[in-house]
N, C-alpha and C. Protein backbone atom coordinates (compact mmCIF):
# COMPACT_ATOMS: atom_id res chain seq x y z
N ASN A 1 62.76 108.82 85.86
CA ASN A 1 62.57 107.40 85.56
C ASN A 1 63.84 106.59 85.86
N LYS A 2 64.99 107.17 85.57
CA LYS A 2 66.24 106.48 85.86
C LYS A 2 66.40 106.25 87.36
N ILE A 3 66.01 107.24 88.16
CA ILE A 3 66.09 107.09 89.61
C ILE A 3 65.17 105.98 90.09
N LEU A 4 63.94 105.95 89.59
CA LEU A 4 62.98 104.94 90.02
C LEU A 4 63.38 103.54 89.57
N GLU A 5 64.08 103.45 88.46
CA GLU A 5 64.52 102.14 87.97
C GLU A 5 65.53 101.48 88.91
N THR A 6 66.18 102.26 89.77
CA THR A 6 67.13 101.68 90.72
C THR A 6 66.41 100.92 91.84
N GLU A 7 65.09 101.17 92.00
CA GLU A 7 64.27 100.56 93.05
C GLU A 7 64.76 100.92 94.45
N ALA A 8 65.47 102.03 94.57
CA ALA A 8 65.92 102.50 95.89
C ALA A 8 64.73 102.96 96.71
N GLY A 9 64.72 102.59 97.99
CA GLY A 9 63.66 103.03 98.88
C GLY A 9 63.90 104.42 99.43
N LEU A 10 65.17 104.78 99.58
CA LEU A 10 65.58 106.10 100.04
C LEU A 10 66.27 106.82 98.89
N ILE A 11 65.88 108.06 98.64
CA ILE A 11 66.46 108.83 97.54
C ILE A 11 66.93 110.17 98.10
N GLY A 12 68.23 110.46 97.93
CA GLY A 12 68.81 111.65 98.55
C GLY A 12 69.22 112.72 97.56
N PHE A 13 69.11 113.96 97.99
CA PHE A 13 69.50 115.12 97.19
C PHE A 13 70.40 116.02 98.04
N SER A 14 71.51 116.48 97.45
CA SER A 14 72.38 117.45 98.11
C SER A 14 72.01 118.85 97.61
N ILE A 15 71.63 119.71 98.53
CA ILE A 15 70.98 120.97 98.15
C ILE A 15 71.90 122.17 98.30
N PHE A 16 72.16 122.79 97.18
CA PHE A 16 72.80 124.10 97.13
C PHE A 16 71.75 125.09 96.59
N ASN A 17 72.04 126.36 96.65
CA ASN A 17 71.10 127.34 96.13
C ASN A 17 70.79 127.07 94.66
N SER A 18 71.81 126.62 93.92
CA SER A 18 71.64 126.39 92.48
C SER A 18 70.89 125.10 92.16
N SER A 19 70.79 124.18 93.11
CA SER A 19 70.13 122.90 92.84
C SER A 19 68.79 122.74 93.54
N LYS A 20 68.43 123.68 94.40
CA LYS A 20 67.23 123.54 95.24
C LYS A 20 65.96 123.36 94.42
N ASP A 21 65.70 124.24 93.47
CA ASP A 21 64.44 124.21 92.73
C ASP A 21 64.31 122.95 91.88
N LEU A 22 65.39 122.59 91.19
CA LEU A 22 65.35 121.39 90.35
C LEU A 22 65.18 120.13 91.20
N SER A 23 65.85 120.09 92.35
CA SER A 23 65.73 118.93 93.24
C SER A 23 64.30 118.77 93.76
N LEU A 24 63.67 119.88 94.11
CA LEU A 24 62.28 119.83 94.57
C LEU A 24 61.36 119.36 93.45
N LEU A 25 61.63 119.80 92.22
CA LEU A 25 60.81 119.39 91.08
C LEU A 25 60.92 117.88 90.85
N ILE A 26 62.15 117.35 90.88
CA ILE A 26 62.35 115.91 90.67
C ILE A 26 61.73 115.12 91.81
N ALA A 27 61.92 115.58 93.05
CA ALA A 27 61.34 114.89 94.20
C ALA A 27 59.82 114.84 94.12
N GLU A 28 59.22 115.93 93.68
CA GLU A 28 57.76 115.98 93.54
C GLU A 28 57.28 114.98 92.48
N LYS A 29 58.00 114.88 91.38
CA LYS A 29 57.63 113.93 90.34
C LYS A 29 57.76 112.48 90.83
N ILE A 30 58.81 112.21 91.60
CA ILE A 30 59.00 110.86 92.15
C ILE A 30 57.84 110.50 93.07
N LYS A 31 57.46 111.43 93.93
CA LYS A 31 56.36 111.18 94.88
C LYS A 31 55.03 110.95 94.17
N LYS A 32 54.82 111.63 93.06
CA LYS A 32 53.57 111.45 92.32
C LYS A 32 53.48 110.04 91.73
N ILE A 33 54.62 109.49 91.35
CA ILE A 33 54.65 108.14 90.78
C ILE A 33 54.62 107.08 91.88
N ASP A 34 55.37 107.31 92.96
CA ASP A 34 55.46 106.33 94.05
C ASP A 34 55.57 107.08 95.38
N LYS A 35 54.45 107.25 96.07
CA LYS A 35 54.43 108.03 97.31
C LYS A 35 55.17 107.34 98.45
N ASP A 36 55.50 106.04 98.30
CA ASP A 36 56.19 105.32 99.37
C ASP A 36 57.70 105.56 99.36
N LYS A 37 58.22 106.16 98.29
CA LYS A 37 59.64 106.48 98.27
C LYS A 37 59.92 107.56 99.32
N LYS A 38 61.00 107.38 100.08
CA LYS A 38 61.38 108.36 101.09
C LYS A 38 62.45 109.28 100.52
N ILE A 39 62.19 110.58 100.59
CA ILE A 39 63.08 111.59 100.02
C ILE A 39 63.86 112.27 101.14
N ILE A 40 65.19 112.25 101.01
CA ILE A 40 66.07 112.90 101.99
C ILE A 40 66.76 114.09 101.33
N PHE A 41 66.70 115.23 101.97
CA PHE A 41 67.43 116.41 101.53
C PHE A 41 68.52 116.72 102.55
N GLY A 42 69.68 117.17 102.07
CA GLY A 42 70.76 117.62 102.93
C GLY A 42 71.62 118.59 102.17
N GLY A 43 72.64 119.12 102.82
CA GLY A 43 73.52 120.06 102.15
C GLY A 43 73.43 121.46 102.72
N PRO A 44 74.24 122.37 102.20
CA PRO A 44 74.36 123.71 102.78
C PRO A 44 73.05 124.47 102.93
N HIS A 45 72.18 124.38 101.94
CA HIS A 45 70.97 125.21 101.98
C HIS A 45 69.84 124.57 102.76
N CYS A 46 70.14 123.44 103.43
CA CYS A 46 69.18 122.86 104.37
C CYS A 46 69.45 123.33 105.80
N ALA A 47 70.46 124.16 105.98
CA ALA A 47 70.78 124.68 107.31
C ALA A 47 69.60 125.50 107.84
N PRO A 48 69.38 125.49 109.16
CA PRO A 48 68.26 126.24 109.75
C PRO A 48 68.26 127.72 109.42
N HIS A 49 69.44 128.32 109.27
CA HIS A 49 69.50 129.75 108.98
C HIS A 49 69.47 130.03 107.48
N MET A 50 69.36 128.97 106.67
CA MET A 50 69.27 129.14 105.22
C MET A 50 67.84 128.81 104.78
N ASN A 51 67.66 127.82 103.91
CA ASN A 51 66.34 127.48 103.40
C ASN A 51 65.71 126.27 104.09
N GLY A 52 66.38 125.74 105.12
CA GLY A 52 65.89 124.54 105.79
C GLY A 52 64.44 124.57 106.23
N PRO A 53 64.01 125.61 106.96
CA PRO A 53 62.63 125.63 107.46
C PRO A 53 61.56 125.57 106.37
N GLU A 54 61.84 126.16 105.19
CA GLU A 54 60.84 126.11 104.12
C GLU A 54 60.92 124.81 103.34
N ILE A 55 62.15 124.25 103.20
CA ILE A 55 62.32 123.01 102.45
C ILE A 55 61.61 121.84 103.13
N ILE A 56 61.74 121.71 104.43
CA ILE A 56 61.18 120.55 105.14
C ILE A 56 59.65 120.57 105.13
N ARG A 57 59.06 121.71 104.83
CA ARG A 57 57.60 121.80 104.77
C ARG A 57 57.04 121.41 103.40
N GLU A 58 57.92 121.13 102.46
CA GLU A 58 57.47 120.67 101.15
C GLU A 58 56.95 119.23 101.26
N ASN A 59 55.82 118.96 100.62
CA ASN A 59 55.20 117.63 100.72
C ASN A 59 56.06 116.51 100.15
N CYS A 60 57.01 116.85 99.31
CA CYS A 60 57.84 115.83 98.68
C CYS A 60 59.10 115.50 99.48
N VAL A 61 59.31 116.16 100.62
CA VAL A 61 60.51 115.93 101.44
C VAL A 61 60.09 115.26 102.75
N ASP A 62 60.70 114.10 103.04
CA ASP A 62 60.38 113.36 104.26
C ASP A 62 61.40 113.59 105.38
N ILE A 63 62.67 113.66 105.01
CA ILE A 63 63.75 113.76 105.99
C ILE A 63 64.73 114.82 105.52
N MET A 64 65.21 115.63 106.46
CA MET A 64 66.24 116.62 106.12
C MET A 64 67.39 116.48 107.09
N VAL A 65 68.59 116.27 106.55
CA VAL A 65 69.80 116.15 107.36
C VAL A 65 70.36 117.54 107.61
N ILE A 66 70.64 117.85 108.87
CA ILE A 66 71.16 119.15 109.26
C ILE A 66 72.64 119.01 109.58
N GLY A 67 73.49 119.76 108.88
CA GLY A 67 74.91 119.73 109.18
C GLY A 67 75.64 118.62 108.44
N GLU A 68 76.70 118.11 109.06
CA GLU A 68 77.54 117.08 108.43
C GLU A 68 76.76 115.78 108.30
N GLY A 69 76.71 115.25 107.10
CA GLY A 69 75.81 114.13 106.84
C GLY A 69 76.40 112.75 106.91
N GLU A 70 77.73 112.62 107.05
CA GLU A 70 78.34 111.29 106.92
C GLU A 70 77.73 110.28 107.89
N PHE A 71 77.79 110.56 109.18
CA PHE A 71 77.31 109.61 110.18
C PHE A 71 75.78 109.62 110.29
N ILE A 72 75.19 110.80 110.11
CA ILE A 72 73.73 110.91 110.20
C ILE A 72 73.06 110.08 109.11
N LEU A 73 73.56 110.19 107.88
CA LEU A 73 72.96 109.45 106.78
C LEU A 73 73.12 107.95 106.98
N ASP A 74 74.28 107.53 107.49
CA ASP A 74 74.48 106.11 107.81
C ASP A 74 73.40 105.61 108.77
N GLU A 75 73.12 106.42 109.79
CA GLU A 75 72.14 106.03 110.81
C GLU A 75 70.73 106.00 110.23
N VAL A 76 70.40 106.97 109.39
CA VAL A 76 69.08 107.00 108.74
C VAL A 76 68.88 105.75 107.90
N ILE A 77 69.88 105.39 107.11
CA ILE A 77 69.78 104.21 106.25
C ILE A 77 69.64 102.95 107.09
N ASP A 78 70.41 102.86 108.18
CA ASP A 78 70.34 101.70 109.06
C ASP A 78 68.96 101.56 109.68
N LEU A 79 68.39 102.67 110.16
CA LEU A 79 67.05 102.64 110.74
C LEU A 79 66.02 102.20 109.71
N PHE A 80 66.14 102.74 108.51
CA PHE A 80 65.18 102.39 107.46
C PHE A 80 65.30 100.92 107.08
N ASP A 81 66.52 100.40 107.02
CA ASP A 81 66.72 98.99 106.68
C ASP A 81 66.14 98.07 107.76
N ARG A 82 66.30 98.46 109.03
CA ARG A 82 65.86 97.59 110.13
C ARG A 82 64.37 97.71 110.43
N GLU A 83 63.84 98.95 110.35
CA GLU A 83 62.47 99.19 110.81
C GLU A 83 61.52 99.64 109.71
N GLY A 84 62.06 99.96 108.53
CA GLY A 84 61.22 100.40 107.44
C GLY A 84 60.72 101.83 107.57
N ARG A 85 61.23 102.55 108.57
CA ARG A 85 60.81 103.93 108.79
C ARG A 85 61.85 104.62 109.68
N VAL A 86 61.75 105.93 109.78
CA VAL A 86 62.63 106.70 110.66
C VAL A 86 61.75 107.58 111.53
N ASP A 87 61.66 107.23 112.82
CA ASP A 87 60.84 107.99 113.75
C ASP A 87 61.66 109.03 114.51
N PHE A 88 62.97 108.78 114.64
CA PHE A 88 63.84 109.73 115.33
C PHE A 88 65.28 109.47 114.94
N CYS A 89 66.01 110.52 114.64
CA CYS A 89 67.45 110.43 114.37
C CYS A 89 68.06 111.79 114.66
N LYS A 90 68.93 111.84 115.63
CA LYS A 90 69.55 113.11 116.00
C LYS A 90 70.30 113.68 114.81
N GLY A 91 70.11 114.97 114.56
CA GLY A 91 70.74 115.61 113.42
C GLY A 91 69.83 115.71 112.21
N THR A 92 68.54 115.39 112.39
CA THR A 92 67.59 115.48 111.28
C THR A 92 66.34 116.26 111.69
N TRP A 93 65.64 116.73 110.68
CA TRP A 93 64.26 117.19 110.80
C TRP A 93 63.40 116.21 110.02
N LEU A 94 62.32 115.75 110.61
CA LEU A 94 61.43 114.80 109.98
C LEU A 94 60.07 115.44 109.75
N ARG A 95 59.42 115.08 108.65
CA ARG A 95 58.06 115.56 108.40
C ARG A 95 57.11 114.38 108.53
N LYS A 96 56.23 114.46 109.52
CA LYS A 96 55.28 113.40 109.82
C LYS A 96 53.87 113.98 109.85
N THR A 97 53.00 113.46 109.00
CA THR A 97 51.59 113.89 108.92
C THR A 97 51.48 115.41 108.93
N GLY A 98 52.33 116.04 108.15
CA GLY A 98 52.27 117.48 108.01
C GLY A 98 52.98 118.27 109.08
N GLN A 99 53.48 117.58 110.11
CA GLN A 99 54.19 118.24 111.20
C GLN A 99 55.69 118.05 111.06
N VAL A 100 56.46 119.05 111.49
CA VAL A 100 57.91 118.98 111.43
C VAL A 100 58.45 118.60 112.80
N ILE A 101 59.25 117.54 112.85
CA ILE A 101 59.85 117.08 114.10
C ILE A 101 61.34 117.41 114.06
N ASP A 102 61.78 118.23 115.01
CA ASP A 102 63.19 118.59 115.13
C ASP A 102 63.84 117.61 116.09
N CYS A 103 64.73 116.75 115.58
CA CYS A 103 65.35 115.72 116.41
C CYS A 103 66.60 116.21 117.13
N GLY A 104 66.89 117.49 117.05
CA GLY A 104 68.04 118.05 117.76
C GLY A 104 69.31 118.02 116.92
N ASN A 105 70.29 118.81 117.33
CA ASN A 105 71.54 118.93 116.58
C ASN A 105 72.48 117.79 116.92
N ARG A 106 73.28 117.40 115.94
CA ARG A 106 74.32 116.40 116.12
C ARG A 106 75.65 117.11 116.33
N GLU A 107 76.49 116.57 117.20
CA GLU A 107 77.81 117.16 117.43
C GLU A 107 78.64 117.07 116.14
N LEU A 108 79.47 118.08 115.93
CA LEU A 108 80.35 118.05 114.77
C LEU A 108 81.34 116.89 114.90
N ILE A 109 81.76 116.35 113.77
CA ILE A 109 82.71 115.24 113.75
C ILE A 109 84.06 115.75 114.22
N GLY A 110 84.56 115.17 115.31
CA GLY A 110 85.79 115.66 115.91
C GLY A 110 87.03 115.30 115.13
N ASP A 111 87.11 114.08 114.63
CA ASP A 111 88.30 113.60 113.93
C ASP A 111 87.96 113.36 112.47
N LEU A 112 88.31 114.31 111.62
CA LEU A 112 88.00 114.19 110.19
C LEU A 112 88.83 113.11 109.51
N ASN A 113 89.92 112.69 110.14
CA ASN A 113 90.75 111.63 109.54
C ASN A 113 90.02 110.30 109.45
N GLN A 114 88.99 110.12 110.26
CA GLN A 114 88.28 108.83 110.27
C GLN A 114 87.30 108.71 109.10
N LEU A 115 87.05 109.80 108.38
CA LEU A 115 86.10 109.76 107.28
C LEU A 115 86.72 109.11 106.05
N ALA A 116 85.90 108.35 105.33
CA ALA A 116 86.37 107.69 104.10
C ALA A 116 86.67 108.72 103.02
N PHE A 117 87.50 108.34 102.07
CA PHE A 117 87.77 109.19 100.93
C PHE A 117 86.52 109.28 100.05
N ALA A 118 86.34 110.40 99.39
CA ALA A 118 85.20 110.56 98.47
C ALA A 118 85.28 109.53 97.35
N ASP A 119 84.13 109.02 96.93
CA ASP A 119 84.06 108.01 95.89
C ASP A 119 83.48 108.64 94.62
N PHE A 120 84.32 108.84 93.63
CA PHE A 120 83.89 109.42 92.36
C PHE A 120 83.72 108.35 91.29
N GLY A 121 83.60 107.08 91.73
CA GLY A 121 83.56 105.96 90.81
C GLY A 121 82.43 106.01 89.79
N ASP A 122 81.28 106.56 90.18
CA ASP A 122 80.13 106.59 89.28
C ASP A 122 80.06 107.87 88.45
N PHE A 123 81.03 108.75 88.60
CA PHE A 123 81.03 110.00 87.85
C PHE A 123 81.70 109.80 86.48
N SER A 124 81.03 110.25 85.44
CA SER A 124 81.64 110.26 84.11
C SER A 124 82.39 111.58 83.96
N LEU A 125 83.64 111.58 84.40
CA LEU A 125 84.40 112.83 84.44
C LEU A 125 84.60 113.42 83.05
N ASP A 126 84.54 112.59 82.02
CA ASP A 126 84.70 113.10 80.65
C ASP A 126 83.56 114.03 80.26
N SER A 127 82.47 114.02 81.00
CA SER A 127 81.34 114.90 80.71
C SER A 127 81.59 116.32 81.23
N TYR A 128 82.66 116.50 82.00
CA TYR A 128 82.95 117.80 82.59
C TYR A 128 83.99 118.55 81.75
N ASP A 129 84.01 119.87 81.90
CA ASP A 129 84.95 120.70 81.14
C ASP A 129 86.40 120.38 81.47
N ALA A 130 86.65 120.02 82.73
CA ALA A 130 88.02 119.72 83.17
C ALA A 130 88.04 118.35 83.84
N PRO A 131 88.05 117.27 83.06
CA PRO A 131 87.98 115.93 83.61
C PRO A 131 89.21 115.51 84.41
N TYR A 132 90.25 116.33 84.38
CA TYR A 132 91.48 116.01 85.10
C TYR A 132 91.50 116.59 86.51
N ARG A 133 90.41 117.28 86.93
CA ARG A 133 90.37 117.95 88.23
C ARG A 133 89.39 117.25 89.17
N LEU A 134 89.74 117.21 90.45
CA LEU A 134 88.83 116.72 91.48
C LEU A 134 88.90 117.65 92.70
N PRO A 135 87.81 117.75 93.44
CA PRO A 135 87.86 118.51 94.70
C PRO A 135 88.45 117.68 95.83
N VAL A 136 89.04 118.37 96.79
CA VAL A 136 89.59 117.72 97.98
C VAL A 136 89.49 118.74 99.11
N TYR A 137 89.71 118.32 100.35
CA TYR A 137 89.64 119.30 101.44
C TYR A 137 90.68 118.96 102.51
N LEU A 138 91.20 120.00 103.13
CA LEU A 138 92.06 119.85 104.29
C LEU A 138 91.25 119.98 105.57
N GLY A 139 90.43 121.05 105.64
CA GLY A 139 89.66 121.29 106.86
C GLY A 139 88.26 121.77 106.59
N ARG A 140 87.51 121.90 107.66
CA ARG A 140 86.15 122.43 107.61
C ARG A 140 86.05 123.59 108.59
N GLY A 141 85.44 124.66 108.13
CA GLY A 141 85.27 125.82 108.98
C GLY A 141 86.40 126.81 108.81
N CYS A 142 86.50 127.72 109.76
CA CYS A 142 87.47 128.80 109.69
C CYS A 142 87.89 129.18 111.11
N PRO A 143 89.18 129.47 111.33
CA PRO A 143 89.62 129.89 112.67
C PRO A 143 89.22 131.33 113.01
N ASN A 144 88.80 132.08 112.02
CA ASN A 144 88.38 133.47 112.25
C ASN A 144 86.89 133.54 112.55
N ARG A 145 86.45 134.66 113.10
CA ARG A 145 85.05 134.81 113.53
C ARG A 145 84.45 136.10 112.96
N CYS A 146 84.66 136.35 111.68
CA CYS A 146 84.18 137.59 111.06
C CYS A 146 82.65 137.67 111.13
N VAL A 147 82.13 138.79 111.56
CA VAL A 147 80.70 138.92 111.80
C VAL A 147 79.88 138.92 110.51
N TYR A 148 80.50 139.26 109.38
CA TYR A 148 79.76 139.35 108.12
C TYR A 148 79.73 138.03 107.36
N CYS A 149 80.40 136.99 107.88
CA CYS A 149 80.54 135.73 107.14
C CYS A 149 79.64 134.66 107.74
N ASN A 150 78.99 133.86 106.87
CA ASN A 150 78.09 132.82 107.39
C ASN A 150 78.83 131.52 107.70
N ASP A 151 80.14 131.49 107.49
CA ASP A 151 80.91 130.27 107.75
C ASP A 151 80.80 129.85 109.21
N LYS A 152 80.90 130.82 110.12
CA LYS A 152 80.86 130.48 111.55
C LYS A 152 79.49 129.97 111.97
N SER A 153 78.43 130.35 111.25
CA SER A 153 77.10 129.83 111.55
C SER A 153 76.96 128.38 111.13
N CYS A 154 77.70 127.98 110.09
CA CYS A 154 77.63 126.61 109.60
C CYS A 154 78.51 125.66 110.39
N TRP A 155 79.73 126.10 110.74
CA TRP A 155 80.73 125.17 111.25
C TRP A 155 81.06 125.34 112.73
N HIS A 156 80.91 126.53 113.29
CA HIS A 156 81.19 126.76 114.72
C HIS A 156 82.61 126.35 115.10
N GLY A 157 83.59 126.81 114.33
CA GLY A 157 84.97 126.49 114.65
C GLY A 157 85.67 125.81 113.49
N TYR A 158 86.95 125.50 113.70
CA TYR A 158 87.77 124.92 112.63
C TYR A 158 88.30 123.55 113.05
N ARG A 159 88.24 122.59 112.11
CA ARG A 159 88.84 121.27 112.28
C ARG A 159 89.54 120.92 110.98
N CYS A 160 90.58 120.08 111.05
CA CYS A 160 91.24 119.72 109.80
C CYS A 160 91.75 118.28 109.84
N ARG A 161 91.95 117.74 108.64
CA ARG A 161 92.59 116.44 108.49
C ARG A 161 94.10 116.63 108.59
N SER A 162 94.80 115.55 108.81
CA SER A 162 96.25 115.63 108.81
C SER A 162 96.75 115.78 107.37
N GLY A 163 97.92 116.39 107.21
CA GLY A 163 98.51 116.50 105.89
C GLY A 163 98.76 115.14 105.27
N GLU A 164 99.10 114.15 106.11
CA GLU A 164 99.32 112.79 105.63
C GLU A 164 98.04 112.20 105.05
N ARG A 165 96.93 112.43 105.74
CA ARG A 165 95.64 111.90 105.27
C ARG A 165 95.22 112.55 103.95
N VAL A 166 95.45 113.84 103.81
CA VAL A 166 95.10 114.53 102.56
C VAL A 166 95.95 113.99 101.42
N PHE A 167 97.25 113.79 101.67
CA PHE A 167 98.12 113.23 100.65
C PHE A 167 97.65 111.84 100.24
N GLU A 168 97.29 111.00 101.23
CA GLU A 168 96.81 109.65 100.92
C GLU A 168 95.53 109.71 100.08
N ASP A 169 94.69 110.70 100.37
CA ASP A 169 93.45 110.90 99.61
C ASP A 169 93.80 111.21 98.15
N MET A 170 94.70 112.16 97.95
CA MET A 170 95.11 112.53 96.59
C MET A 170 95.69 111.33 95.84
N ARG A 171 96.59 110.61 96.49
CA ARG A 171 97.22 109.45 95.84
C ARG A 171 96.18 108.39 95.50
N TYR A 172 95.21 108.20 96.40
CA TYR A 172 94.13 107.24 96.16
C TYR A 172 93.32 107.63 94.92
N GLN A 173 92.98 108.90 94.80
CA GLN A 173 92.18 109.36 93.66
C GLN A 173 92.96 109.25 92.35
N VAL A 174 94.25 109.59 92.37
CA VAL A 174 95.09 109.50 91.17
C VAL A 174 95.20 108.05 90.71
N ASN A 175 95.39 107.13 91.66
CA ASN A 175 95.53 105.72 91.30
C ASN A 175 94.22 105.10 90.85
N ARG A 176 93.10 105.67 91.28
CA ARG A 176 91.79 105.09 90.98
C ARG A 176 91.21 105.63 89.69
N LYS A 177 91.47 106.89 89.40
CA LYS A 177 90.90 107.54 88.23
C LYS A 177 92.01 108.00 87.30
N ASN A 178 92.13 107.40 86.16
CA ASN A 178 93.18 107.77 85.22
C ASN A 178 93.02 109.22 84.76
N GLY A 179 94.14 109.93 84.69
CA GLY A 179 94.12 111.27 84.12
C GLY A 179 93.93 112.38 85.12
N ILE A 180 93.80 112.08 86.42
CA ILE A 180 93.66 113.14 87.43
C ILE A 180 95.02 113.77 87.68
N THR A 181 95.13 115.07 87.44
CA THR A 181 96.41 115.78 87.61
C THR A 181 96.28 117.04 88.46
N HIS A 182 95.06 117.39 88.89
CA HIS A 182 94.89 118.63 89.64
C HIS A 182 93.80 118.45 90.71
N PHE A 183 94.04 119.09 91.88
CA PHE A 183 93.06 119.06 92.96
C PHE A 183 92.72 120.49 93.38
N ASP A 184 91.42 120.76 93.50
CA ASP A 184 90.93 122.04 93.98
C ASP A 184 90.47 121.89 95.43
N PHE A 185 91.06 122.64 96.34
CA PHE A 185 90.65 122.57 97.74
C PHE A 185 89.34 123.32 97.94
N ALA A 186 88.40 122.65 98.56
CA ALA A 186 87.07 123.22 98.78
C ALA A 186 86.99 123.99 100.09
N ASP A 187 88.10 124.09 100.81
CA ASP A 187 88.13 124.78 102.10
C ASP A 187 87.79 126.26 101.96
N SER A 188 87.25 126.83 103.03
CA SER A 188 87.06 128.28 103.07
C SER A 188 88.42 128.97 102.95
N LEU A 189 89.45 128.41 103.57
CA LEU A 189 90.82 128.90 103.41
C LEU A 189 91.76 127.71 103.57
N VAL A 190 92.63 127.54 102.58
CA VAL A 190 93.47 126.34 102.54
C VAL A 190 94.65 126.45 103.50
N ASN A 191 94.99 127.65 103.94
CA ASN A 191 96.17 127.85 104.78
C ASN A 191 95.82 128.05 106.27
N ALA A 192 94.70 127.52 106.71
CA ALA A 192 94.31 127.69 108.11
C ALA A 192 95.22 126.89 109.04
N ASN A 193 95.79 125.78 108.54
CA ASN A 193 96.75 125.01 109.33
C ASN A 193 98.00 124.80 108.47
N LEU A 194 98.94 125.72 108.58
CA LEU A 194 100.12 125.72 107.72
C LEU A 194 101.01 124.49 107.96
N ARG A 195 101.03 123.99 109.18
CA ARG A 195 101.86 122.82 109.48
C ARG A 195 101.39 121.61 108.68
N GLU A 196 100.08 121.35 108.70
CA GLU A 196 99.56 120.19 107.97
C GLU A 196 99.62 120.40 106.46
N LEU A 197 99.40 121.64 106.02
CA LEU A 197 99.50 121.93 104.59
C LEU A 197 100.94 121.71 104.10
N SER A 198 101.91 122.14 104.90
CA SER A 198 103.30 121.96 104.55
C SER A 198 103.68 120.48 104.53
N HIS A 199 103.16 119.72 105.49
CA HIS A 199 103.44 118.28 105.51
C HIS A 199 102.87 117.60 104.27
N MET A 200 101.68 118.00 103.88
CA MET A 200 101.07 117.45 102.65
C MET A 200 101.96 117.73 101.45
N ALA A 201 102.44 118.97 101.34
CA ALA A 201 103.28 119.36 100.21
C ALA A 201 104.59 118.56 100.20
N ASP A 202 105.16 118.36 101.38
CA ASP A 202 106.39 117.58 101.48
C ASP A 202 106.17 116.14 101.01
N ARG A 203 105.03 115.55 101.37
CA ARG A 203 104.73 114.18 100.98
C ARG A 203 104.54 114.07 99.46
N ILE A 204 103.93 115.09 98.87
CA ILE A 204 103.76 115.10 97.41
C ILE A 204 105.13 115.09 96.73
N ILE A 205 106.07 115.90 97.26
CA ILE A 205 107.41 115.99 96.67
C ILE A 205 108.16 114.68 96.86
N VAL A 206 108.15 114.15 98.08
CA VAL A 206 108.91 112.93 98.38
C VAL A 206 108.38 111.75 97.57
N ASP A 207 107.07 111.67 97.44
CA ASP A 207 106.47 110.54 96.72
C ASP A 207 106.57 110.71 95.21
N GLY A 208 106.80 111.93 94.76
CA GLY A 208 106.86 112.19 93.33
C GLY A 208 105.50 112.17 92.66
N LEU A 209 104.45 112.52 93.41
CA LEU A 209 103.10 112.52 92.85
C LEU A 209 102.98 113.68 91.86
N LYS A 210 102.66 113.36 90.61
CA LYS A 210 102.67 114.37 89.55
C LYS A 210 101.31 115.08 89.47
N ILE A 211 101.14 116.05 90.36
CA ILE A 211 99.87 116.80 90.40
C ILE A 211 100.16 118.27 90.66
N THR A 212 99.14 119.09 90.40
CA THR A 212 99.11 120.47 90.88
C THR A 212 97.89 120.61 91.76
N TRP A 213 97.89 121.68 92.57
CA TRP A 213 96.73 121.89 93.45
C TRP A 213 96.57 123.38 93.70
N GLY A 214 95.38 123.76 94.13
CA GLY A 214 95.13 125.17 94.43
C GLY A 214 93.95 125.32 95.36
N GLY A 215 93.83 126.49 95.97
CA GLY A 215 92.72 126.75 96.90
C GLY A 215 92.63 128.22 97.20
N GLN A 216 91.75 128.54 98.12
CA GLN A 216 91.56 129.94 98.51
C GLN A 216 92.39 130.26 99.73
């Protein structure tokens, strides 16, 4: 009911293994109340080699974003605003009259520095066990190609932000949210680019930013 009260025409869910079933349940309830609402699923478990093929066949899912969603989601929203529907968008799977339309893969984002900082403005961090912590990332993917790991299937290579950009991100979050003192790196490995990681650490020291950080 809270979601429907927003009167949003597009409603999105980020799907992990732990959130898949609950997200499908909520999406199904939304569709029963208002079938005109468009439901978008994205996230790790929407990948073609994960649960993507079965998720897009659910009657409550209209659009599924494959891979990195920043630019794809922008385009989907723009199409919906202009035309009231989405007939094609590269990087998505669409469900139309029971059929699945594969719109093709989108190229990975080459320059991660161009992406906006994450916005945690609507999060009630006090509801979490550690309200002083936020996630951050240096890079996406992994420079290694281990055959037993699914990372290479998701990312197809390694890209990273500059150490300066990561530092600016941290400083932005600290200045915006009172009480943030720790950052957890969400990277598969935080030391994949030691030069940029070292530059980030140097900027933290020079600026006197009072934080701790950690990663894998």
